[in-house]
Amino acid sequence: MATRPSFNKRQKEQARQEKKKRKDEKREQRDVEKATRPTSATGEDPDIAGIVPGPQPAVD
């Protein structure tokens, strides 16, 4: 049974390569999304535009 460790090692290496490939694809997708994300004319993030830091007015 000398071939079994080689087989297991090969499977482990293939799994590692697949995981790396998926991570690289996700990273590429995030970079594309980040580049195409809309920003305001002032370069401010639209999700936080108009937010004032500090205490907020009380709501009745």
Protein backbone atom coordinates (compact mmCIF):
# COMPACT_ATOMS: atom_id res chain seq x y z
CA MET A 1 0.00 0.00 0.00
CA ALA A 2 2.80 2.38 -0.77
CA THR A 3 0.66 4.23 -3.33
CA ARG A 4 -2.03 5.37 -0.86
CA PRO A 5 -0.06 8.22 0.73
CA SER A 6 0.79 9.55 -2.73
CA PHE A 7 -2.86 9.45 -3.73
CA ASN A 8 -3.92 11.24 -0.54
CA LYS A 9 -1.19 13.81 -1.01
CA ARG A 10 -2.31 14.45 -4.59
CA GLN A 11 -5.94 14.91 -3.49
CA LYS A 12 -4.87 17.31 -0.76
CA GLU A 13 -2.78 19.32 -3.23
CA GLN A 14 -5.65 19.49 -5.72
CA ALA A 15 -8.02 20.69 -2.99
CA ARG A 16 -5.50 23.36 -1.99
CA GLN A 17 -5.18 24.54 -5.60
CA GLU A 18 -8.97 24.67 -6.03
CA LYS A 19 -9.36 26.72 -2.85
CA LYS A 20 -6.66 29.14 -4.03
CA LYS A 21 -8.38 29.44 -7.41
CA ARG A 22 -11.75 30.24 -5.77
CA LYS A 23 -10.14 32.83 -3.50
CA ASP A 24 -8.40 34.47 -6.47
CA GLU A 25 -11.70 34.61 -8.38
CA LYS A 26 -13.46 36.19 -5.39
CA ARG A 27 -10.66 38.73 -5.01
CA GLU A 28 -10.89 39.62 -8.70
CA GLN A 29 -14.67 40.02 -8.44
CA ARG A 30 -14.33 42.33 -5.41
CA ASP A 31 -11.80 44.45 -7.30
CA VAL A 32 -14.18 44.78 -10.25
CA GLU A 33 -17.11 45.69 -7.99
CA LYS A 34 -15.01 48.20 -6.12
CA ALA A 35 -13.91 49.87 -9.36
CA THR A 36 -17.46 50.14 -10.69
CA ARG A 37 -19.07 51.30 -7.42
CA PRO A 38 -20.70 54.71 -7.87
CA THR A 39 -19.39 57.66 -5.87
CA SER A 40 -20.72 61.17 -5.52
CA ALA A 41 -19.26 64.18 -7.33
CA THR A 42 -17.24 65.05 -4.23
CA GLY A 43 -15.79 61.55 -4.03
CA GLU A 44 -17.83 60.80 -0.91
CA ASP A 45 -19.25 57.32 -0.37
CA PRO A 46 -23.00 57.48 -1.17
CA ASP A 47 -23.80 55.12 1.72
CA ILE A 48 -22.52 57.61 4.29
CA ALA A 49 -23.21 60.88 2.47
CA GLY A 50 -24.74 63.49 4.75
CA ILE A 51 -24.01 61.68 8.00
CA VAL A 52 -22.92 64.08 10.73
CA PRO A 53 -20.53 62.70 13.35
CA GLY A 54 -21.25 63.23 17.03
CA PRO A 55 -24.44 63.24 19.04
CA GLN A 56 -27.62 63.05 17.01
CA PRO A 57 -30.71 65.16 17.67
CA ALA A 58 -33.29 63.59 19.98
CA VAL A 59 -36.32 62.02 18.35
CA ASP A 60 -39.65 62.70 20.11
